[in-house]
Every structure is written in structure tokens, then in C-alpha cells.
Amino acid sequence: MESSELIVCGLCGNEFDPNGPSSAYAEAGEWLAEEVWRDAGELCPLCRENRARLVMMYCHEYYR
């Protein structure tokens, strides 16, 4: 089993494994991190999920 280096999230400061499991919301948040905010790879899955949910609620221009 390969060991993975933990990364510190740029928003919440928690450590996370970049190769850990991911949800559909986290994947949507990763797309937003790459295409909109340009901070891909810097956010933990929870922050990516929260960002995706907030964008779905408040930023309708991203999913029309």
C-alpha cells in the first residue's frame, strides 16, 4: 500500500489525503476549483463539497 502525503486545506486548515475517496459534490467542487477559482488541489473534499453546494444554490450562471 502506497503512503500518501497529507495536504493542508487552503480554506479550513485541516489535513487531507488528495487520493482519498471523493463524492459527486467534491468532484463538482474540484471542477470549480480548476475552472473558476484556480485553487485546484488546495482544498479538502469537505470544502470542495460545500463550495459546490453553495454554487448550486446561489450562482445559477454556472449550471444553466
C-alpha atoms as a PDB file:
ATOM      1  CA  MET A   1       0.000   0.000   0.000  1.00  0.00           C
ATOM      2  CA  GLU A   2       1.377   3.373  -1.015  1.00  0.00           C
ATOM      3  CA  SER A   3       1.609   6.112   1.577  1.00  0.00           C
ATOM      4  CA  SER A   4       0.237   9.452   0.527  1.00  0.00           C
ATOM      5  CA  GLU A   5       1.417  12.788   1.783  1.00  0.00           C
ATOM      6  CA  LEU A   6      -1.256  14.785   3.556  1.00  0.00           C
ATOM      7  CA  ILE A   7      -2.049  18.290   2.340  1.00  0.00           C
ATOM      8  CA  VAL A   8      -3.379  21.171   4.428  1.00  0.00           C
ATOM      9  CA  CYS A   9      -6.637  22.630   3.091  1.00  0.00           C
ATOM     10  CA  GLY A  10      -6.357  26.241   1.959  1.00  0.00           C
ATOM     11  CA  LEU A  11      -9.757  27.136   3.432  1.00  0.00           C
ATOM     12  CA  CYS A  12     -10.303  25.211   6.664  1.00  0.00           C
ATOM     13  CA  GLY A  13      -6.721  24.228   7.507  1.00  0.00           C
ATOM     14  CA  ASN A  14      -7.488  20.523   8.011  1.00  0.00           C
ATOM     15  CA  GLU A  15      -5.117  17.896   6.638  1.00  0.00           C
ATOM     16  CA  PHE A  16      -6.453  15.612   3.910  1.00  0.00           C
ATOM     17  CA  ASP A  17      -5.310  12.831   1.612  1.00  0.00           C
ATOM     18  CA  PRO A  18      -5.550  14.055  -2.001  1.00  0.00           C
ATOM     19  CA  ASN A  19      -6.021  10.441  -3.143  1.00  0.00           C
ATOM     20  CA  GLY A  20      -8.824   9.715  -0.677  1.00  0.00           C
ATOM     21  CA  PRO A  21     -12.428   8.937  -1.583  1.00  0.00           C
ATOM     22  CA  SER A  22     -14.472  11.614  -3.309  1.00  0.00           C
ATOM     23  CA  SER A  23     -18.177  12.324  -3.709  1.00  0.00           C
ATOM     24  CA  ALA A  24     -20.031  13.766  -6.688  1.00  0.00           C
ATOM     25  CA  TYR A  25     -20.202  17.121  -4.888  1.00  0.00           C
ATOM     26  CA  ALA A  26     -16.457  17.051  -4.229  1.00  0.00           C
ATOM     27  CA  GLU A  27     -15.846  16.330  -7.917  1.00  0.00           C
ATOM     28  CA  ALA A  28     -18.050  19.291  -8.858  1.00  0.00           C
ATOM     29  CA  GLY A  29     -16.094  21.395  -6.368  1.00  0.00           C
ATOM     30  CA  GLU A  30     -12.847  20.253  -7.955  1.00  0.00           C
ATOM     31  CA  TRP A  31     -14.108  21.415 -11.349  1.00  0.00           C
ATOM     32  CA  LEU A  32     -14.951  24.809  -9.824  1.00  0.00           C
ATOM     33  CA  ALA A  33     -11.502  24.917  -8.211  1.00  0.00           C
ATOM     34  CA  GLU A  34      -9.868  24.293 -11.586  1.00  0.00           C
ATOM     35  CA  GLU A  35     -12.038  26.447 -13.815  1.00  0.00           C
ATOM     36  CA  VAL A  36     -13.321  29.294 -11.647  1.00  0.00           C
ATOM     37  CA  TRP A  37     -11.181  29.920  -8.560  1.00  0.00           C
ATOM     38  CA  ARG A  38      -7.890  28.423  -9.775  1.00  0.00           C
ATOM     39  CA  ASP A  39      -7.134  26.723  -6.461  1.00  0.00           C
ATOM     40  CA  ALA A  40      -7.307  23.086  -7.566  1.00  0.00           C
ATOM     41  CA  GLY A  41      -5.544  20.647  -5.288  1.00  0.00           C
ATOM     42  CA  GLU A  42      -5.572  23.057  -2.355  1.00  0.00           C
ATOM     43  CA  LEU A  43      -8.997  22.228  -0.871  1.00  0.00           C
ATOM     44  CA  CYS A  44     -10.140  19.236   1.166  1.00  0.00           C
ATOM     45  CA  PRO A  45     -13.130  17.185  -0.029  1.00  0.00           C
ATOM     46  CA  LEU A  46     -15.464  18.794   2.529  1.00  0.00           C
ATOM     47  CA  CYS A  47     -14.617  22.336   1.392  1.00  0.00           C
ATOM     48  CA  ARG A  48     -14.980  21.293  -2.271  1.00  0.00           C
ATOM     49  CA  GLU A  49     -18.389  19.753  -1.458  1.00  0.00           C
ATOM     50  CA  ASN A  50     -19.517  22.862   0.405  1.00  0.00           C
ATOM     51  CA  ARG A  51     -18.370  25.111  -2.429  1.00  0.00           C
ATOM     52  CA  ALA A  52     -20.285  23.039  -4.979  1.00  0.00           C
ATOM     53  CA  ARG A  53     -23.463  23.135  -2.888  1.00  0.00           C
ATOM     54  CA  LEU A  54     -23.209  26.894  -2.406  1.00  0.00           C
ATOM     55  CA  VAL A  55     -22.652  27.467  -6.112  1.00  0.00           C
ATOM     56  CA  MET A  56     -25.692  25.339  -6.937  1.00  0.00           C
ATOM     57  CA  MET A  57     -27.791  27.442  -4.556  1.00  0.00           C
ATOM     58  CA  TYR A  58     -26.508  30.912  -5.350  1.00  0.00           C
ATOM     59  CA  CYS A  59     -24.537  31.031  -8.627  1.00  0.00           C
ATOM     60  CA  HIS A  60     -27.003  29.937 -11.276  1.00  0.00           C
ATOM     61  CA  GLU A  61     -24.756  31.099 -14.116  1.00  0.00           C
ATOM     62  CA  TYR A  62     -22.528  28.010 -13.643  1.00  0.00           C
ATOM     63  CA  TYR A  63     -25.114  25.345 -14.386  1.00  0.00           C
ATOM     64  CA  ARG A  64     -27.575  26.743 -16.925  1.00  0.00           C
END
